[in-house]
Amino acid sequence: MEAYSILLPNEKKRTYQYITLFILLINCFAWGVVLLNAANEKVKYLAALAAGISFISLIFFLVQFYTKRLIAYRTGISFIILGICWLLSGRYLFALCIICFAILGFYSSKKFNVIFSAEKILYPTFPVKTYLWTEVSNVILKDNVLTIDLKNNKLIQVVIEKDPANEINEDQFNEFCRKQMSVTAEAQRR
């Protein structure tokens, strides 16, 4: 069974990284303030732990951001731990915000692949959008621009990643799409 996977650029990744940096800085500052103002030992210990996690996460994030090292490090995991710390300290709104941001972070760091199979097209939105070939009037890949023209007058046009792993023979891909549309049109006529 023939299928194609086309990688789309993640245009929101850089924005998310700047917001992540800002939230890490806020966490470092906020946990430092909680540590300095802690009245009992339990809160002081929790604040020291969370401030340490925030600071280490900030350092790891900066190393990853500027040197492209520590690729395995995920700030989302640090945010979940910090959210739990905020929860244990009784600041539920902070906890909810940090955990929601962590979940968004996991989604924003994933790769966006458009999957073309014999039955359908899976487009990477949230949630994943499924287009049957009966809904498509034309698909073309030309000069790293993917165009999906739907029968409901919706046009999807994106520039795809220039990546050796994403090299697709445009003629073969376009022929595959034409074949799927003609097979579907033939099946509908019957």
C-alpha atoms as a PDB file:
ATOM      1  CA  MET A   1       0.000   0.000   0.000  1.00  0.00           C
ATOM      2  CA  GLU A   2       1.434   3.306  -1.062  1.00  0.00           C
ATOM      3  CA  ALA A   3       1.266   6.306   1.290  1.00  0.00           C
ATOM      4  CA  TYR A   4       3.075   9.609   1.584  1.00  0.00           C
ATOM      5  CA  SER A   5       4.032  11.617   4.651  1.00  0.00           C
ATOM      6  CA  ILE A   6       4.923  15.273   4.197  1.00  0.00           C
ATOM      7  CA  LEU A   7       6.514  17.247   7.037  1.00  0.00           C
ATOM      8  CA  LEU A   8       5.162  20.757   7.569  1.00  0.00           C
ATOM      9  CA  PRO A   9       7.162  23.478   9.325  1.00  0.00           C
ATOM     10  CA  ASN A  10       6.189  24.209  12.912  1.00  0.00           C
ATOM     11  CA  GLU A  11       5.834  27.988  12.700  1.00  0.00           C
ATOM     12  CA  LYS A  12       4.683  28.426  16.298  1.00  0.00           C
ATOM     13  CA  LYS A  13       7.635  26.617  17.855  1.00  0.00           C
ATOM     14  CA  ARG A  14       9.829  29.717  18.199  1.00  0.00           C
ATOM     15  CA  THR A  15       7.003  31.696  19.825  1.00  0.00           C
ATOM     16  CA  TYR A  16       6.405  28.879  22.281  1.00  0.00           C
ATOM     17  CA  GLN A  17      10.114  28.836  23.139  1.00  0.00           C
ATOM     18  CA  TYR A  18      10.095  32.540  24.028  1.00  0.00           C
ATOM     19  CA  ILE A  19       6.979  32.105  26.159  1.00  0.00           C
ATOM     20  CA  THR A  20       8.624  29.105  27.848  1.00  0.00           C
ATOM     21  CA  LEU A  21      11.657  31.219  28.692  1.00  0.00           C
ATOM     22  CA  PHE A  22       9.406  33.921  30.152  1.00  0.00           C
ATOM     23  CA  ILE A  23       7.447  31.416  32.271  1.00  0.00           C
ATOM     24  CA  LEU A  24      10.644  29.795  33.539  1.00  0.00           C
ATOM     25  CA  LEU A  25      11.943  33.221  34.594  1.00  0.00           C
ATOM     26  CA  ILE A  26       8.664  33.982  36.363  1.00  0.00           C
ATOM     27  CA  ASN A  27       8.817  30.630  38.164  1.00  0.00           C
ATOM     28  CA  CYS A  28      12.396  31.269  39.308  1.00  0.00           C
ATOM     29  CA  PHE A  29      11.403  34.675  40.651  1.00  0.00           C
ATOM     30  CA  ALA A  30       8.096  33.528  42.201  1.00  0.00           C
ATOM     31  CA  TRP A  31       9.618  30.522  43.965  1.00  0.00           C
ATOM     32  CA  GLY A  32      12.453  32.732  45.200  1.00  0.00           C
ATOM     33  CA  VAL A  33       9.902  35.105  46.736  1.00  0.00           C
ATOM     34  CA  VAL A  34       7.985  32.197  48.291  1.00  0.00           C
ATOM     35  CA  LEU A  35      11.270  30.846  49.705  1.00  0.00           C
ATOM     36  CA  LEU A  36      12.204  34.188  51.261  1.00  0.00           C
ATOM     37  CA  ASN A  37       8.729  34.702  52.754  1.00  0.00           C
ATOM     38  CA  ALA A  38       8.076  31.115  53.896  1.00  0.00           C
ATOM     39  CA  ALA A  39       6.797  30.914  57.449  1.00  0.00           C
ATOM     40  CA  ASN A  40       7.131  27.216  58.188  1.00  0.00           C
ATOM     41  CA  GLU A  41       9.745  24.608  57.344  1.00  0.00           C
ATOM     42  CA  LYS A  42       7.508  22.516  55.077  1.00  0.00           C
ATOM     43  CA  VAL A  43       6.751  25.469  52.775  1.00  0.00           C
ATOM     44  CA  LYS A  44      10.390  26.569  52.893  1.00  0.00           C
ATOM     45  CA  TYR A  45      11.571  23.090  51.847  1.00  0.00           C
ATOM     46  CA  LEU A  46       9.000  22.911  49.028  1.00  0.00           C
ATOM     47  CA  ALA A  47       9.930  26.411  47.824  1.00  0.00           C
ATOM     48  CA  ALA A  48      13.653  25.576  47.879  1.00  0.00           C
ATOM     49  CA  LEU A  49      13.003  22.404  45.877  1.00  0.00           C
ATOM     50  CA  ALA A  50      10.798  24.214  43.346  1.00  0.00           C
ATOM     51  CA  ALA A  51      13.204  27.152  43.039  1.00  0.00           C
ATOM     52  CA  GLY A  52      16.018  24.691  42.350  1.00  0.00           C
ATOM     53  CA  ILE A  53      13.965  22.871  39.730  1.00  0.00           C
ATOM     54  CA  SER A  54      13.027  26.206  38.130  1.00  0.00           C
ATOM     55  CA  PHE A  55      16.621  27.384  38.025  1.00  0.00           C
ATOM     56  CA  ILE A  56      17.993  24.096  36.663  1.00  0.00           C
ATOM     57  CA  SER A  57      15.188  23.988  34.076  1.00  0.00           C
ATOM     58  CA  LEU A  58      16.062  27.536  33.020  1.00  0.00           C
ATOM     59  CA  ILE A  59      19.742  26.619  32.602  1.00  0.00           C
ATOM     60  CA  PHE A  60      18.909  23.448  30.635  1.00  0.00           C
ATOM     61  CA  PHE A  61      16.449  25.366  28.456  1.00  0.00           C
ATOM     62  CA  LEU A  62      19.013  28.085  27.652  1.00  0.00           C
ATOM     63  CA  VAL A  63      21.666  25.491  26.787  1.00  0.00           C
ATOM     64  CA  GLN A  64      19.180  23.674  24.561  1.00  0.00           C
ATOM     65  CA  PHE A  65      17.934  26.895  22.947  1.00  0.00           C
ATOM     66  CA  TYR A  66      21.325  28.396  22.101  1.00  0.00           C
ATOM     67  CA  THR A  67      23.535  25.349  21.499  1.00  0.00           C
ATOM     68  CA  LYS A  68      20.975  22.780  20.273  1.00  0.00           C
ATOM     69  CA  ARG A  69      22.356  20.333  22.845  1.00  0.00           C
ATOM     70  CA  LEU A  70      20.361  18.494  25.507  1.00  0.00           C
ATOM     71  CA  ILE A  71      17.761  17.623  22.889  1.00  0.00           C
ATOM     72  CA  ALA A  72      16.280  14.951  25.166  1.00  0.00           C
ATOM     73  CA  TYR A  73      15.410  17.563  27.814  1.00  0.00           C
ATOM     74  CA  ARG A  74      11.695  18.470  27.859  1.00  0.00           C
ATOM     75  CA  THR A  75      10.596  21.599  29.684  1.00  0.00           C
ATOM     76  CA  GLY A  76       7.060  20.211  29.783  1.00  0.00           C
ATOM     77  CA  ILE A  77       8.115  17.645  32.377  1.00  0.00           C
ATOM     78  CA  SER A  78       9.658  20.403  34.504  1.00  0.00           C
ATOM     79  CA  PHE A  79       6.431  22.393  34.194  1.00  0.00           C
ATOM     80  CA  ILE A  80       4.377  19.430  35.386  1.00  0.00           C
ATOM     81  CA  ILE A  81       6.663  19.033  38.419  1.00  0.00           C
ATOM     82  CA  LEU A  82       6.448  22.780  39.092  1.00  0.00           C
ATOM     83  CA  GLY A  83       2.661  22.610  38.718  1.00  0.00           C
ATOM     84  CA  ILE A  84       2.553  19.873  41.348  1.00  0.00           C
ATOM     85  CA  CYS A  85       4.723  22.034  43.613  1.00  0.00           C
ATOM     86  CA  TRP A  86       2.320  24.970  43.148  1.00  0.00           C
ATOM     87  CA  LEU A  87      -0.545  22.590  43.926  1.00  0.00           C
ATOM     88  CA  LEU A  88       1.143  21.392  47.131  1.00  0.00           C
ATOM     89  CA  SER A  89       1.757  24.987  48.181  1.00  0.00           C
ATOM     90  CA  GLY A  90      -1.967  25.736  47.849  1.00  0.00           C
ATOM     91  CA  ARG A  91      -1.754  27.995  44.805  1.00  0.00           C
ATOM     92  CA  TYR A  92      -4.211  26.155  42.582  1.00  0.00           C
ATOM     93  CA  LEU A  93      -4.531  28.754  39.829  1.00  0.00           C
ATOM     94  CA  PHE A  94      -0.750  28.817  39.283  1.00  0.00           C
ATOM     95  CA  ALA A  95      -0.736  25.016  39.250  1.00  0.00           C
ATOM     96  CA  LEU A  96      -3.514  24.851  36.681  1.00  0.00           C
ATOM     97  CA  CYS A  97      -1.848  27.427  34.408  1.00  0.00           C
ATOM     98  CA  ILE A  98       1.561  25.730  34.527  1.00  0.00           C
ATOM     99  CA  ILE A  99       0.136  22.259  33.877  1.00  0.00           C
ATOM    100  CA  CYS A 100      -1.993  23.550  30.964  1.00  0.00           C
ATOM    101  CA  PHE A 101       1.082  25.231  29.501  1.00  0.00           C
ATOM    102  CA  ALA A 102       3.013  21.959  29.847  1.00  0.00           C
ATOM    103  CA  ILE A 103       0.308  20.102  27.922  1.00  0.00           C
ATOM    104  CA  LEU A 104       0.360  22.765  25.181  1.00  0.00           C
ATOM    105  CA  GLY A 105       4.141  22.415  25.093  1.00  0.00           C
ATOM    106  CA  PHE A 106       3.939  18.703  24.370  1.00  0.00           C
ATOM    107  CA  TYR A 107       1.619  19.449  21.452  1.00  0.00           C
ATOM    108  CA  SER A 108       3.671  22.345  20.092  1.00  0.00           C
ATOM    109  CA  SER A 109       6.897  20.342  19.955  1.00  0.00           C
ATOM    110  CA  LYS A 110       5.501  17.514  17.861  1.00  0.00           C
ATOM    111  CA  LYS A 111       6.165  17.147  14.172  1.00  0.00           C
ATOM    112  CA  PHE A 112       3.352  18.080  11.833  1.00  0.00           C
ATOM    113  CA  ASN A 113       2.989  15.415   9.140  1.00  0.00           C
ATOM    114  CA  VAL A 114       0.329  15.374   6.450  1.00  0.00           C
ATOM    115  CA  ILE A 115      -0.406  11.717   5.669  1.00  0.00           C
ATOM    116  CA  PHE A 116      -1.738  10.809   2.229  1.00  0.00           C
ATOM    117  CA  SER A 117      -3.041   7.256   2.013  1.00  0.00           C
ATOM    118  CA  ALA A 118      -5.279   5.468  -0.480  1.00  0.00           C
ATOM    119  CA  GLU A 119      -8.350   6.112   1.697  1.00  0.00           C
ATOM    120  CA  LYS A 120      -7.852   9.627   3.099  1.00  0.00           C
ATOM    121  CA  ILE A 121      -5.674  12.600   3.937  1.00  0.00           C
ATOM    122  CA  LEU A 122      -4.796  13.225   7.595  1.00  0.00           C
ATOM    123  CA  TYR A 123      -3.991  16.900   8.194  1.00  0.00           C
ATOM    124  CA  PRO A 124      -2.227  17.769  11.476  1.00  0.00           C
ATOM    125  CA  THR A 125      -4.557  20.228  13.178  1.00  0.00           C
ATOM    126  CA  PHE A 126      -5.832  19.904  16.710  1.00  0.00           C
ATOM    127  CA  PRO A 127      -7.668  17.543  16.549  1.00  0.00           C
ATOM    128  CA  VAL A 128      -6.352  15.845  13.421  1.00  0.00           C
ATOM    129  CA  LYS A 129      -8.523  16.667  10.419  1.00  0.00           C
ATOM    130  CA  THR A 130      -9.471  13.811   8.097  1.00  0.00           C
ATOM    131  CA  TYR A 131     -10.294  14.531   4.474  1.00  0.00           C
ATOM    132  CA  LEU A 132     -11.678  11.753   2.324  1.00  0.00           C
ATOM    133  CA  TRP A 133     -10.699  11.774  -1.325  1.00  0.00           C
ATOM    134  CA  THR A 134     -14.357  12.471  -2.152  1.00  0.00           C
ATOM    135  CA  GLU A 135     -13.981  15.887  -0.469  1.00  0.00           C
ATOM    136  CA  VAL A 136     -10.878  16.833  -2.482  1.00  0.00           C
ATOM    137  CA  SER A 137     -10.957  18.413  -5.912  1.00  0.00           C
ATOM    138  CA  ASN A 138      -7.185  18.714  -6.397  1.00  0.00           C
ATOM    139  CA  VAL A 139      -3.858  18.090  -4.643  1.00  0.00           C
ATOM    140  CA  ILE A 140      -0.563  19.262  -6.031  1.00  0.00           C
ATOM    141  CA  LEU A 141       3.005  19.487  -4.783  1.00  0.00           C
ATOM    142  CA  LYS A 142       5.154  21.918  -6.731  1.00  0.00           C
ATOM    143  CA  ASP A 143       8.390  23.668  -5.706  1.00  0.00           C
ATOM    144  CA  ASN A 144       7.963  22.666  -2.027  1.00  0.00           C
ATOM    145  CA  VAL A 145       4.460  24.142  -1.891  1.00  0.00           C
ATOM    146  CA  LEU A 146       1.664  21.728  -1.030  1.00  0.00           C
ATOM    147  CA  THR A 147      -1.796  22.753  -2.214  1.00  0.00           C
ATOM    148  CA  ILE A 148      -4.959  20.904  -1.213  1.00  0.00           C
ATOM    149  CA  ASP A 149      -8.081  22.224  -2.919  1.00  0.00           C
ATOM    150  CA  LEU A 150     -11.271  21.003  -1.295  1.00  0.00           C
ATOM    151  CA  LYS A 151     -14.679  20.812  -2.947  1.00  0.00           C
ATOM    152  CA  ASN A 152     -16.167  23.106  -0.284  1.00  0.00           C
ATOM    153  CA  ASN A 153     -14.022  25.986  -1.704  1.00  0.00           C
ATOM    154  CA  LYS A 154     -11.463  25.704   1.073  1.00  0.00           C
ATOM    155  CA  LEU A 155      -7.852  25.934  -0.048  1.00  0.00           C
ATOM    156  CA  ILE A 156      -4.965  24.685   2.075  1.00  0.00           C
ATOM    157  CA  GLN A 157      -1.576  25.864   0.913  1.00  0.00           C
ATOM    158  CA  VAL A 158       1.642  25.416   2.884  1.00  0.00           C
ATOM    159  CA  VAL A 159       5.363  25.488   2.232  1.00  0.00           C
ATOM    160  CA  ILE A 160       6.823  22.152   3.270  1.00  0.00           C
ATOM    161  CA  GLU A 161      10.073  21.569   5.141  1.00  0.00           C
ATOM    162  CA  LYS A 162      13.221  21.464   3.048  1.00  0.00           C
ATOM    163  CA  ASP A 163      14.712  18.369   4.588  1.00  0.00           C
ATOM    164  CA  PRO A 164      16.545  15.485   2.907  1.00  0.00           C
ATOM    165  CA  ALA A 165      14.383  13.044   4.872  1.00  0.00           C
ATOM    166  CA  ASN A 166      11.318  14.770   3.414  1.00  0.00           C
ATOM    167  CA  GLU A 167      12.412  14.445  -0.218  1.00  0.00           C
ATOM    168  CA  ILE A 168       9.429  13.383  -2.253  1.00  0.00           C
ATOM    169  CA  ASN A 169       9.348  12.904  -5.969  1.00  0.00           C
ATOM    170  CA  GLU A 170       6.785  15.555  -6.925  1.00  0.00           C
ATOM    171  CA  ASP A 171       5.698  13.806 -10.124  1.00  0.00           C
ATOM    172  CA  GLN A 172       5.106  10.478  -8.374  1.00  0.00           C
ATOM    173  CA  PHE A 173       3.256  12.169  -5.516  1.00  0.00           C
ATOM    174  CA  ASN A 174       1.037  14.201  -7.867  1.00  0.00           C
ATOM    175  CA  GLU A 175       0.289  11.088  -9.908  1.00  0.00           C
ATOM    176  CA  PHE A 176      -0.626   9.186  -6.710  1.00  0.00           C
ATOM    177  CA  CYS A 177      -3.069  11.958  -5.739  1.00  0.00           C
ATOM    178  CA  ARG A 178      -4.599  12.106  -9.239  1.00  0.00           C
ATOM    179  CA  LYS A 179      -5.059   8.338  -9.148  1.00  0.00           C
ATOM    180  CA  GLN A 180      -6.807   8.473  -5.742  1.00  0.00           C
ATOM    181  CA  MET A 181      -9.153  11.218  -6.900  1.00  0.00           C
ATOM    182  CA  SER A 182     -10.003   9.412 -10.148  1.00  0.00           C
ATOM    183  CA  VAL A 183     -10.596   6.089  -8.343  1.00  0.00           C
ATOM    184  CA  THR A 184     -12.874   7.855  -5.884  1.00  0.00           C
ATOM    185  CA  ALA A 185     -14.732   9.685  -8.665  1.00  0.00           C
ATOM    186  CA  GLU A 186     -15.181   6.413 -10.560  1.00  0.00           C
ATOM    187  CA  ALA A 187     -16.519   4.687  -7.437  1.00  0.00           C
ATOM    188  CA  GLN A 188     -19.027   7.510  -6.873  1.00  0.00           C
ATOM    189  CA  ARG A 189     -20.355   7.250 -10.423  1.00  0.00           C
ATOM    190  CA  ARG A 190     -21.245   3.578  -9.913  1.00  0.00           C
END
